Amino acid sequence: MQDIPNLFLVGPMGAGKSTIGRHLAAELARDFYDSDHEIESRCGADIPWIFDVEGEAGFREREAAMIEELSGLDGIVLATGGGAIQREDNRRVLRERGTVIYLYTTVEQQLHRTAKDRNRPLLQTDDREAVLRTLFARRDPLYRATSDLVVRTDRRGPRAVVNDILRRVRQLIDPLTSCKV
């Protein structure tokens, strides 16, 4: 699959970016990176600790630097953090360096998928649904404007989502691949 460019996954928390990204990378025999995991690995601290010490602004600086670095690699699949899309520089870099795929999911699915996750600083509140709805309203237009493809992940297994992504990316590269002759 040398003709497939870098694939960058964007979307809200709980959309499946890390899970889908790992499966997609395995299918393509590519390296997979998760920008949040890379930040944690290099800092030796988890995201909530970074938020506590540096605030969201400090974390976003680290995130932007990580996306700049990782998106410059060749032949990768990259899962970005849900808020990475807020910075214009991140959106520009992702658009310029690969195919951006928005993994879309509903707020209801996000609530279900993140119910027991304590590693998401923005959800450490009594009204998680209100936070997710606010984030969705603010970020969904940015995800859509940045992405080459929008792929639903609600009630779909990773294999089905990966197959859908691969089929649609191939159509972007060669629109005739969907024609039957």
Protein backbone atom coordinates (compact mmCIF):
# COMPACT_ATOMS: atom_id res chain seq x y z
CA MET A 1 0.00 0.00 0.00
CA GLN A 2 2.73 2.45 -0.89
CA ASP A 3 0.21 4.69 -2.66
CA ILE A 4 -1.78 5.34 0.52
CA PRO A 5 -0.53 8.49 2.27
CA ASN A 6 -0.16 8.99 6.00
CA LEU A 7 -3.50 8.48 7.71
CA PHE A 8 -4.43 10.84 10.54
CA LEU A 9 -7.39 10.03 12.76
CA VAL A 10 -9.29 12.86 14.41
CA GLY A 11 -12.47 12.86 16.45
CA PRO A 12 -13.83 13.14 19.94
CA MET A 13 -12.80 11.07 22.93
CA GLY A 14 -14.41 7.67 22.77
CA ALA A 15 -14.65 7.62 18.96
CA GLY A 16 -12.15 4.75 18.77
CA LYS A 17 -9.14 6.57 17.34
CA SER A 18 -6.56 4.46 19.20
CA THR A 19 -8.29 1.12 18.62
CA ILE A 20 -9.09 1.79 14.96
CA GLY A 21 -5.63 3.27 14.43
CA ARG A 22 -3.88 0.15 15.73
CA HIS A 23 -6.00 -2.13 13.53
CA LEU A 24 -5.54 0.12 10.50
CA ALA A 25 -1.77 0.24 10.96
CA ALA A 26 -1.61 -3.55 11.32
CA GLU A 27 -3.66 -4.01 8.14
CA LEU A 28 -1.32 -1.70 6.24
CA ALA A 29 1.87 -2.98 7.94
CA ARG A 30 2.63 0.56 9.13
CA ASP A 31 3.81 2.14 12.34
CA PHE A 32 1.05 3.41 14.60
CA TYR A 33 1.36 6.42 16.87
CA ASP A 34 -1.05 7.90 19.37
CA SER A 35 -0.10 11.50 20.12
CA ASP A 36 -1.42 11.31 23.71
CA HIS A 37 0.51 8.11 24.44
CA GLU A 38 3.67 9.58 22.93
CA ILE A 39 3.36 12.66 25.14
CA GLU A 40 2.88 10.49 28.23
CA SER A 41 5.81 8.28 27.30
CA ARG A 42 8.19 11.16 26.74
CA CYS A 43 7.07 13.13 29.79
CA GLY A 44 6.99 10.14 32.09
CA ALA A 45 3.61 11.39 33.32
CA ASP A 46 -0.01 10.80 32.42
CA ILE A 47 -2.26 13.38 30.78
CA PRO A 48 -4.22 14.24 33.97
CA TRP A 49 -0.95 15.04 35.77
CA ILE A 50 0.21 17.25 32.89
CA PHE A 51 -3.16 19.07 32.98
CA ASP A 52 -2.83 19.53 36.76
CA VAL A 53 0.71 20.91 36.57
CA GLU A 54 0.72 22.81 33.27
CA GLY A 55 -2.97 23.38 32.64
CA GLU A 56 -4.71 22.71 29.37
CA ALA A 57 -2.64 25.40 27.62
CA GLY A 58 0.62 23.69 28.58
CA PHE A 59 -0.69 20.33 27.44
CA ARG A 60 -1.83 21.82 24.11
CA GLU A 61 1.69 23.18 23.51
CA ARG A 62 3.13 19.69 24.01
CA GLU A 63 0.41 18.23 21.79
CA ALA A 64 1.13 20.67 18.94
CA ALA A 65 4.85 19.88 19.07
CA MET A 66 4.10 16.14 19.03
CA ILE A 67 1.74 16.41 16.05
CA GLU A 68 4.30 18.50 14.18
CA GLU A 69 6.95 15.83 14.78
CA LEU A 70 4.88 12.70 14.17
CA SER A 71 3.03 14.00 11.10
CA GLY A 72 6.43 14.55 9.48
CA LEU A 73 7.14 10.82 9.47
CA ASP A 74 6.37 8.77 6.36
CA GLY A 75 3.97 5.87 6.04
CA ILE A 76 2.26 6.10 9.43
CA VAL A 77 -1.15 5.99 11.05
CA LEU A 78 -1.58 8.65 13.74
CA ALA A 79 -4.38 8.97 16.28
CA THR A 80 -4.61 12.52 17.61
CA GLY A 81 -6.15 13.68 20.86
CA GLY A 82 -9.74 14.90 20.70
CA GLY A 83 -8.80 18.54 21.26
CA ALA A 84 -5.86 18.66 18.85
CA ILE A 85 -8.14 19.97 16.14
CA GLN A 86 -8.70 23.23 18.03
CA ARG A 87 -5.41 24.73 16.86
CA GLU A 88 -5.26 26.00 13.30
CA ASP A 89 -1.59 24.97 13.04
CA ASN A 90 -2.51 21.37 13.89
CA ARG A 91 -5.32 21.37 11.32
CA ARG A 92 -3.04 22.80 8.64
CA VAL A 93 -0.20 20.34 9.32
CA LEU A 94 -2.54 17.35 9.27
CA ARG A 95 -4.22 18.47 6.02
CA GLU A 96 -0.87 19.09 4.32
CA ARG A 97 0.83 15.85 5.35
CA GLY A 98 -1.74 13.13 4.85
CA THR A 99 -5.34 12.02 4.65
CA VAL A 100 -7.42 13.15 7.62
CA ILE A 101 -10.22 10.83 8.75
CA TYR A 102 -12.86 12.03 11.18
CA LEU A 103 -14.09 9.14 13.30
CA TYR A 104 -17.58 10.35 14.10
CA THR A 105 -19.53 9.12 17.09
CA THR A 106 -22.55 10.39 19.00
CA VAL A 107 -22.40 11.91 22.46
CA GLU A 108 -24.41 8.92 23.73
CA GLN A 109 -21.74 6.54 22.45
CA GLN A 110 -18.99 8.72 23.97
CA LEU A 111 -20.73 8.57 27.34
CA HIS A 112 -20.93 4.78 27.13
CA ARG A 113 -17.34 4.29 25.96
CA THR A 114 -15.79 6.68 28.50
CA ALA A 115 -18.00 5.72 31.48
CA LYS A 116 -15.20 4.11 33.52
CA ASP A 117 -12.25 6.06 32.11
CA ARG A 118 -10.59 8.26 34.74
CA ASN A 119 -7.74 9.33 32.45
CA ARG A 120 -9.71 12.13 30.73
CA PRO A 121 -9.23 15.43 32.57
CA LEU A 122 -12.08 17.23 30.81
CA LEU A 123 -14.54 14.59 32.05
CA GLN A 124 -13.69 14.87 35.73
CA THR A 125 -16.97 16.64 36.43
CA ASP A 126 -20.46 15.83 37.69
CA ASP A 127 -22.10 16.52 34.33
CA ARG A 128 -20.05 14.59 31.79
CA GLU A 129 -22.85 14.72 29.22
CA ALA A 130 -22.99 18.53 29.28
CA VAL A 131 -19.20 18.69 28.79
CA LEU A 132 -19.33 16.24 25.88
CA ARG A 133 -22.20 18.12 24.23
CA THR A 134 -20.35 21.44 24.56
CA LEU A 135 -17.14 19.93 23.15
CA PHE A 136 -19.07 18.31 20.30
CA ALA A 137 -20.79 21.58 19.35
CA ARG A 138 -17.46 23.41 19.29
CA ARG A 139 -15.29 20.74 17.66
CA ASP A 140 -17.54 18.89 15.18
CA PRO A 141 -17.37 21.72 12.59
CA LEU A 142 -13.55 21.76 12.91
CA TYR A 143 -13.30 17.98 12.46
CA ARG A 144 -15.50 18.16 9.38
CA ALA A 145 -13.67 21.12 7.84
CA THR A 146 -10.30 19.45 8.30
CA SER A 147 -11.16 15.91 7.22
CA ASP A 148 -11.03 14.20 3.86
CA LEU A 149 -13.42 11.50 5.10
CA VAL A 150 -16.05 11.19 7.82
CA VAL A 151 -16.52 7.63 9.10
CA ARG A 152 -19.15 6.64 11.69
CA THR A 153 -17.97 4.35 14.47
CA ASP A 154 -21.22 3.95 16.43
CA ARG A 155 -22.25 0.32 16.90
CA ARG A 156 -19.61 -0.91 14.47
CA GLY A 157 -16.71 -3.19 15.26
CA PRO A 158 -13.12 -2.15 14.53
CA ARG A 159 -12.82 -4.53 11.55
CA ALA A 160 -15.87 -3.02 9.82
CA VAL A 161 -14.60 0.53 10.40
CA VAL A 162 -11.10 -0.33 9.13
CA ASN A 163 -12.51 -1.97 5.99
CA ASP A 164 -14.69 1.07 5.36
CA ILE A 165 -11.72 3.42 5.79
CA LEU A 166 -9.49 1.40 3.46
CA ARG A 167 -12.17 1.21 0.76
CA ARG A 168 -12.85 4.94 0.95
CA VAL A 169 -9.18 5.97 1.06
CA ARG A 170 -8.52 3.86 -2.04
CA GLN A 171 -11.41 5.65 -3.77
CA LEU A 172 -9.85 9.00 -2.89
CA ILE A 173 -6.58 7.90 -4.46
CA ASP A 174 -8.14 6.23 -7.50
CA PRO A 175 -11.83 6.99 -8.00
CA LEU A 176 -12.03 4.27 -10.65
CA THR A 177 -11.44 1.54 -8.03
CA SER A 178 -15.16 1.60 -7.25
CA CYS A 179 -16.16 1.10 -10.90
CA LYS A 180 -17.08 -2.38 -12.08
CA VAL A 181 -16.08 -2.99 -15.69
